[in-house]
Amino acid sequence: MMSQFAEDVKSQFAKEIEETIRQKVLQQGRQEGIQKGIRKGLLEGVR
């Protein structure tokens, strides 16, 4: 029983870490995309 519980906890922990990493990557990508969009908009606005 204890080993099954340990496995469940381990897999749950792994899922949470995966989700956290995925969220951070998405957030980072979104911020970079926004910055690129702003830069592009400024360049086109200058022309």
PDB file of N, CA and C in Angstrom:
ATOM      1  N   MET A   1       0.827  -1.206   0.000  1.00  0.00           N
ATOM      2  CA  MET A   1       0.000   0.000   0.000  1.00  0.00           C
ATOM      3  C   MET A   1       0.863   1.258   0.000  1.00  0.00           C
ATOM      4  N   MET A   2       1.886   1.249   0.832  1.00  0.00           N
ATOM      5  CA  MET A   2       2.736   2.436   0.930  1.00  0.00           C
ATOM      6  C   MET A   2       3.417   2.740  -0.403  1.00  0.00           C
ATOM      7  N   SER A   3       3.879   1.700  -1.097  1.00  0.00           N
ATOM      8  CA  SER A   3       4.574   1.933  -2.365  1.00  0.00           C
ATOM      9  C   SER A   3       3.618   2.521  -3.405  1.00  0.00           C
ATOM     10  N   GLN A   4       2.354   2.074  -3.403  1.00  0.00           N
ATOM     11  CA  GLN A   4       1.363   2.617  -4.343  1.00  0.00           C
ATOM     12  C   GLN A   4       1.134   4.098  -4.039  1.00  0.00           C
ATOM     13  N   PHE A   5       1.032   4.421  -2.756  1.00  0.00           N
ATOM     14  CA  PHE A   5       0.842   5.808  -2.341  1.00  0.00           C
ATOM     15  C   PHE A   5       2.029   6.658  -2.788  1.00  0.00           C
ATOM     16  N   ALA A   6       3.237   6.127  -2.604  1.00  0.00           N
ATOM     17  CA  ALA A   6       4.442   6.848  -3.005  1.00  0.00           C
ATOM     18  C   ALA A   6       4.449   7.098  -4.512  1.00  0.00           C
ATOM     19  N   GLU A   7       4.042   6.106  -5.281  1.00  0.00           N
ATOM     20  CA  GLU A   7       3.971   6.254  -6.743  1.00  0.00           C
ATOM     21  C   GLU A   7       2.977   7.347  -7.125  1.00  0.00           C
ATOM     22  N   ASP A   8       1.813   7.350  -6.487  1.00  0.00           N
ATOM     23  CA  ASP A   8       0.787   8.355  -6.770  1.00  0.00           C
ATOM     24  C   ASP A   8       1.310   9.757  -6.478  1.00  0.00           C
ATOM     25  N   VAL A   9       1.944   9.898  -5.324  1.00  0.00           N
ATOM     26  CA  VAL A   9       2.480  11.205  -4.934  1.00  0.00           C
ATOM     27  C   VAL A   9       3.536  11.655  -5.939  1.00  0.00           C
ATOM     28  N   LYS A  10       4.408  10.723  -6.328  1.00  0.00           N
ATOM     29  CA  LYS A  10       5.484  11.048  -7.266  1.00  0.00           C
ATOM     30  C   LYS A  10       4.921  11.505  -8.611  1.00  0.00           C
ATOM     31  N   SER A  11       3.927  10.774  -9.127  1.00  0.00           N
ATOM     32  CA  SER A  11       3.372  11.132 -10.431  1.00  0.00           C
ATOM     33  C   SER A  11       2.598  12.451 -10.349  1.00  0.00           C
ATOM     34  N   GLN A  12       1.913  12.687  -9.241  1.00  0.00           N
ATOM     35  CA  GLN A  12       1.180  13.944  -9.058  1.00  0.00           C
ATOM     36  C   GLN A  12       2.166  15.105  -9.022  1.00  0.00           C
ATOM     37  N   PHE A  13       3.270  14.917  -8.299  1.00  0.00           N
ATOM     38  CA  PHE A  13       4.304  15.941  -8.179  1.00  0.00           C
ATOM     39  C   PHE A  13       4.902  16.249  -9.549  1.00  0.00           C
ATOM     40  N   ALA A  14       5.169  15.200 -10.322  1.00  0.00           N
ATOM     41  CA  ALA A  14       5.736  15.364 -11.659  1.00  0.00           C
ATOM     42  C   ALA A  14       4.776  16.144 -12.551  1.00  0.00           C
ATOM     43  N   LYS A  15       3.481  15.844 -12.454  1.00  0.00           N
ATOM     44  CA  LYS A  15       2.473  16.555 -13.255  1.00  0.00           C
ATOM     45  C   LYS A  15       2.463  18.035 -12.908  1.00  0.00           C
ATOM     46  N   GLU A  16       2.538  18.343 -11.614  1.00  0.00           N
ATOM     47  CA  GLU A  16       2.501  19.741 -11.185  1.00  0.00           C
ATOM     48  C   GLU A  16       3.726  20.491 -11.680  1.00  0.00           C
ATOM     49  N   ILE A  17       4.899  19.861 -11.598  1.00  0.00           N
ATOM     50  CA  ILE A  17       6.127  20.493 -12.083  1.00  0.00           C
ATOM     51  C   ILE A  17       6.019  20.743 -13.580  1.00  0.00           C
ATOM     52  N   GLU A  18       5.549  19.738 -14.324  1.00  0.00           N
ATOM     53  CA  GLU A  18       5.379  19.863 -15.772  1.00  0.00           C
ATOM     54  C   GLU A  18       4.466  21.039 -16.102  1.00  0.00           C
ATOM     55  N   GLU A  19       3.349  21.131 -15.386  1.00  0.00           N
ATOM     56  CA  GLU A  19       2.366  22.194 -15.623  1.00  0.00           C
ATOM     57  C   GLU A  19       2.985  23.565 -15.334  1.00  0.00           C
ATOM     58  N   THR A  20       3.736  23.661 -14.226  1.00  0.00           N
ATOM     59  CA  THR A  20       4.372  24.929 -13.865  1.00  0.00           C
ATOM     60  C   THR A  20       5.357  25.357 -14.942  1.00  0.00           C
ATOM     61  N   ILE A  21       6.173  24.419 -15.410  1.00  0.00           N
ATOM     62  CA  ILE A  21       7.152  24.732 -16.453  1.00  0.00           C
ATOM     63  C   ILE A  21       6.439  25.180 -17.720  1.00  0.00           C
ATOM     64  N   ARG A  22       5.364  24.463 -18.082  1.00  0.00           N
ATOM     65  CA  ARG A  22       4.624  24.802 -19.294  1.00  0.00           C
ATOM     66  C   ARG A  22       4.047  26.220 -19.196  1.00  0.00           C
ATOM     67  N   GLN A  23       3.498  26.560 -18.029  1.00  0.00           N
ATOM     68  CA  GLN A  23       2.939  27.899 -17.830  1.00  0.00           C
ATOM     69  C   GLN A  23       4.018  28.967 -17.980  1.00  0.00           C
ATOM     70  N   LYS A  24       5.204  28.731 -17.388  1.00  0.00           N
ATOM     71  CA  LYS A  24       6.293  29.707 -17.461  1.00  0.00           C
ATOM     72  C   LYS A  24       6.756  29.893 -18.894  1.00  0.00           C
ATOM     73  N   VAL A  25       6.867  28.789 -19.624  1.00  0.00           N
ATOM     74  CA  VAL A  25       7.296  28.866 -21.023  1.00  0.00           C
ATOM     75  C   VAL A  25       6.275  29.646 -21.847  1.00  0.00           C
ATOM     76  N   LEU A  26       4.987  29.362 -21.626  1.00  0.00           N
ATOM     77  CA  LEU A  26       3.937  30.073 -22.356  1.00  0.00           C
ATOM     78  C   LEU A  26       3.977  31.562 -22.042  1.00  0.00           C
ATOM     79  N   GLN A  27       4.139  31.888 -20.761  1.00  0.00           N
ATOM     80  CA  GLN A  27       4.175  33.282 -20.337  1.00  0.00           C
ATOM     81  C   GLN A  27       5.359  33.995 -20.975  1.00  0.00           C
ATOM     82  N   GLN A  28       6.526  33.350 -20.942  1.00  0.00           N
ATOM     83  CA  GLN A  28       7.736  33.907 -21.546  1.00  0.00           C
ATOM     84  C   GLN A  28       7.507  34.144 -23.034  1.00  0.00           C
ATOM     85  N   GLY A  29       6.964  33.155 -23.718  1.00  0.00           N
ATOM     86  CA  GLY A  29       6.709  33.265 -25.153  1.00  0.00           C
ATOM     87  C   GLY A  29       5.743  34.391 -25.464  1.00  0.00           C
ATOM     88  N   ARG A  30       4.719  34.536 -24.631  1.00  0.00           N
ATOM     89  CA  ARG A  30       3.727  35.587 -24.834  1.00  0.00           C
ATOM     90  C   ARG A  30       4.381  36.959 -24.678  1.00  0.00           C
ATOM     91  N   GLN A  31       5.202  37.125 -23.644  1.00  0.00           N
ATOM     92  CA  GLN A  31       5.868  38.409 -23.409  1.00  0.00           C
ATOM     93  C   GLN A  31       6.795  38.757 -24.567  1.00  0.00           C
ATOM     94  N   GLU A  32       7.559  37.772 -25.044  1.00  0.00           N
ATOM     95  CA  GLU A  32       8.457  38.014 -26.175  1.00  0.00           C
ATOM     96  C   GLU A  32       7.655  38.374 -27.417  1.00  0.00           C
ATOM     97  N   GLY A  33       6.538  37.697 -27.625  1.00  0.00           N
ATOM     98  CA  GLY A  33       5.681  37.975 -28.774  1.00  0.00           C
ATOM     99  C   GLY A  33       5.121  39.386 -28.714  1.00  0.00           C
ATOM    100  N   ILE A  34       4.709  39.809 -27.527  1.00  0.00           N
ATOM    101  CA  ILE A  34       4.169  41.164 -27.355  1.00  0.00           C
ATOM    102  C   ILE A  34       5.260  42.195 -27.644  1.00  0.00           C
ATOM    103  N   GLN A  35       6.464  41.954 -27.122  1.00  0.00           N
ATOM    104  CA  GLN A  35       7.568  42.892 -27.348  1.00  0.00           C
ATOM    105  C   GLN A  35       7.899  42.992 -28.830  1.00  0.00           C
ATOM    106  N   LYS A  36       7.932  41.854 -29.525  1.00  0.00           N
ATOM    107  CA  LYS A  36       8.202  41.862 -30.965  1.00  0.00           C
ATOM    108  C   LYS A  36       7.107  42.622 -31.698  1.00  0.00           C
ATOM    109  N   GLY A  37       5.865  42.397 -31.290  1.00  0.00           N
ATOM    110  CA  GLY A  37       4.732  43.076 -31.911  1.00  0.00           C
ATOM    111  C   GLY A  37       4.817  44.584 -31.726  1.00  0.00           C
ATOM    112  N   ILE A  38       5.184  45.018 -30.521  1.00  0.00           N
ATOM    113  CA  ILE A  38       5.317  46.454 -30.238  1.00  0.00           C
ATOM    114  C   ILE A  38       6.435  47.038 -31.090  1.00  0.00           C
ATOM    115  N   ARG A  39       7.576  46.346 -31.135  1.00  0.00           N
ATOM    116  CA  ARG A  39       8.718  46.829 -31.905  1.00  0.00           C
ATOM    117  C   ARG A  39       8.338  46.957 -33.382  1.00  0.00           C
ATOM    118  N   LYS A  40       7.670  45.932 -33.900  1.00  0.00           N
ATOM    119  CA  LYS A  40       7.260  45.942 -35.304  1.00  0.00           C
ATOM    120  C   LYS A  40       6.284  47.090 -35.557  1.00  0.00           C
ATOM    121  N   GLY A  41       5.346  47.278 -34.636  1.00  0.00           N
ATOM    122  CA  GLY A  41       4.372  48.359 -34.762  1.00  0.00           C
ATOM    123  C   GLY A  41       5.044  49.722 -34.763  1.00  0.00           C
ATOM    124  N   LEU A  42       6.049  49.891 -33.911  1.00  0.00           N
ATOM    125  CA  LEU A  42       6.769  51.169 -33.852  1.00  0.00           C
ATOM    126  C   LEU A  42       7.517  51.420 -35.155  1.00  0.00           C
ATOM    127  N   LEU A  43       8.171  50.378 -35.677  1.00  0.00           N
ATOM    128  CA  LEU A  43       8.914  50.524 -36.933  1.00  0.00           C
ATOM    129  C   LEU A  43       7.985  50.910 -38.072  1.00  0.00           C
ATOM    130  N   GLU A  44       6.826  50.247 -38.138  1.00  0.00           N
ATOM    131  CA  GLU A  44       5.880  50.548 -39.214  1.00  0.00           C
ATOM    132  C   GLU A  44       5.262  51.928 -39.014  1.00  0.00           C
ATOM    133  N   GLY A  45       5.103  52.328 -37.760  1.00  0.00           N
ATOM    134  CA  GLY A  45       4.545  53.650 -37.474  1.00  0.00           C
ATOM    135  C   GLY A  45       5.487  54.760 -37.891  1.00  0.00           C
ATOM    136  N   VAL A  46       6.790  54.502 -37.832  1.00  0.00           N
ATOM    137  CA  VAL A  46       7.790  55.512 -38.192  1.00  0.00           C
ATOM    138  C   VAL A  46       7.761  55.773 -39.693  1.00  0.00           C
ATOM    139  N   ARG A  47       7.533  54.713 -40.480  1.00  0.00           N
ATOM    140  CA  ARG A  47       7.548  54.878 -41.938  1.00  0.00           C
ATOM    141  C   ARG A  47       6.427  55.758 -42.436  1.00  0.00           C
TER     142      ARG A  47
END
